[in-house]
Amino acid sequence: MKDLVLRVFILLSPPLMRKPLAEAILASRRKLSITISAM
């Protein structure tokens, strides 16, 4: 559900914002997966 909201937000955001936003989301997701695997 949260992913869907993020996807819609990315689609609606201006092109200039899209790339840093996507990178931030990917970075946070990577951090989350590292945290989970560390457990």
N, C-alpha and C. Protein backbone atom coordinates (compact mmCIF):
# COMPACT_ATOMS: atom_id res chain seq x y z
N MET A 1 0.83 -1.21 0.00
CA MET A 1 0.00 0.00 0.00
C MET A 1 0.86 1.26 0.00
N LYS A 2 1.87 1.26 0.87
CA LYS A 2 2.77 2.41 0.95
C LYS A 2 3.55 2.59 -0.35
N ASP A 3 3.94 1.47 -0.96
CA ASP A 3 4.66 1.52 -2.23
C ASP A 3 3.83 2.20 -3.31
N LEU A 4 2.53 1.90 -3.33
CA LEU A 4 1.64 2.49 -4.31
C LEU A 4 1.58 4.01 -4.15
N VAL A 5 1.48 4.46 -2.92
CA VAL A 5 1.45 5.90 -2.65
C VAL A 5 2.74 6.55 -3.11
N LEU A 6 3.87 5.91 -2.82
CA LEU A 6 5.17 6.45 -3.24
C LEU A 6 5.28 6.52 -4.76
N ARG A 7 4.76 5.48 -5.42
CA ARG A 7 4.82 5.44 -6.88
C ARG A 7 4.00 6.57 -7.50
N VAL A 8 2.80 6.77 -6.96
CA VAL A 8 1.94 7.84 -7.45
C VAL A 8 2.60 9.19 -7.19
N PHE A 9 3.21 9.35 -6.02
CA PHE A 9 3.88 10.59 -5.67
C PHE A 9 5.03 10.88 -6.63
N ILE A 10 5.78 9.84 -6.98
CA ILE A 10 6.90 9.99 -7.92
C ILE A 10 6.38 10.38 -9.30
N LEU A 11 5.28 9.75 -9.72
CA LEU A 11 4.71 10.06 -11.03
C LEU A 11 4.19 11.49 -11.11
N LEU A 12 3.66 11.97 -10.00
CA LEU A 12 3.08 13.32 -9.98
C LEU A 12 4.12 14.41 -9.77
N SER A 13 5.26 14.03 -9.20
CA SER A 13 6.30 15.03 -8.93
C SER A 13 6.95 15.48 -10.24
N PRO A 14 7.43 16.73 -10.26
CA PRO A 14 8.10 17.25 -11.47
C PRO A 14 9.36 16.44 -11.79
N PRO A 15 9.72 16.36 -13.06
CA PRO A 15 10.87 15.55 -13.52
C PRO A 15 12.17 15.88 -12.78
N LEU A 16 12.37 17.14 -12.44
CA LEU A 16 13.60 17.52 -11.75
C LEU A 16 13.68 16.90 -10.36
N MET A 17 12.53 16.75 -9.73
CA MET A 17 12.50 16.18 -8.39
C MET A 17 12.52 14.65 -8.41
N ARG A 18 12.11 14.09 -9.53
CA ARG A 18 11.90 12.65 -9.60
C ARG A 18 13.16 11.85 -9.29
N LYS A 19 14.27 12.24 -9.90
CA LYS A 19 15.50 11.45 -9.73
C LYS A 19 16.02 11.44 -8.29
N PRO A 20 16.21 12.60 -7.65
CA PRO A 20 16.66 12.57 -6.25
C PRO A 20 15.68 11.88 -5.33
N LEU A 21 14.39 12.03 -5.64
CA LEU A 21 13.36 11.39 -4.82
C LEU A 21 13.47 9.87 -4.93
N ALA A 22 13.62 9.39 -6.16
CA ALA A 22 13.74 7.95 -6.38
C ALA A 22 15.02 7.41 -5.72
N GLU A 23 16.10 8.19 -5.80
CA GLU A 23 17.35 7.77 -5.17
C GLU A 23 17.22 7.70 -3.65
N ALA A 24 16.48 8.67 -3.09
CA ALA A 24 16.27 8.70 -1.65
C ALA A 24 15.46 7.49 -1.20
N ILE A 25 14.43 7.15 -2.00
CA ILE A 25 13.59 6.00 -1.68
C ILE A 25 14.40 4.71 -1.77
N LEU A 26 15.20 4.60 -2.83
CA LEU A 26 16.04 3.41 -2.99
C LEU A 26 17.05 3.29 -1.85
N ALA A 27 17.63 4.42 -1.45
CA ALA A 27 18.61 4.42 -0.37
C ALA A 27 17.98 3.99 0.94
N SER A 28 16.78 4.51 1.21
CA SER A 28 16.10 4.14 2.46
C SER A 28 15.69 2.68 2.45
N ARG A 29 15.28 2.19 1.27
CA ARG A 29 14.88 0.78 1.16
C ARG A 29 16.10 -0.12 1.35
N ARG A 30 17.24 0.30 0.82
CA ARG A 30 18.48 -0.47 0.96
C ARG A 30 18.90 -0.51 2.43
N LYS A 31 18.77 0.65 3.09
CA LYS A 31 19.10 0.74 4.50
C LYS A 31 18.21 -0.19 5.32
N LEU A 32 16.94 -0.23 4.96
CA LEU A 32 15.97 -1.07 5.64
C LEU A 32 16.33 -2.54 5.46
N SER A 33 16.67 -2.94 4.24
CA SER A 33 17.00 -4.35 3.98
C SER A 33 18.30 -4.74 4.68
N ILE A 34 19.23 -3.81 4.78
CA ILE A 34 20.49 -4.08 5.49
C ILE A 34 20.20 -4.28 6.98
N THR A 35 19.29 -3.42 7.50
CA THR A 35 18.91 -3.53 8.92
C THR A 35 18.24 -4.86 9.19
N ILE A 36 17.36 -5.29 8.29
CA ILE A 36 16.65 -6.56 8.45
C ILE A 36 17.61 -7.73 8.37
N SER A 37 18.55 -7.68 7.42
CA SER A 37 19.49 -8.79 7.27
C SER A 37 20.49 -8.83 8.43
N ALA A 38 20.73 -7.67 9.05
CA ALA A 38 21.64 -7.63 10.19
C ALA A 38 21.02 -8.31 11.41
N MET A 39 19.71 -8.30 11.49
CA MET A 39 19.00 -8.97 12.58
C MET A 39 19.18 -10.47 12.40
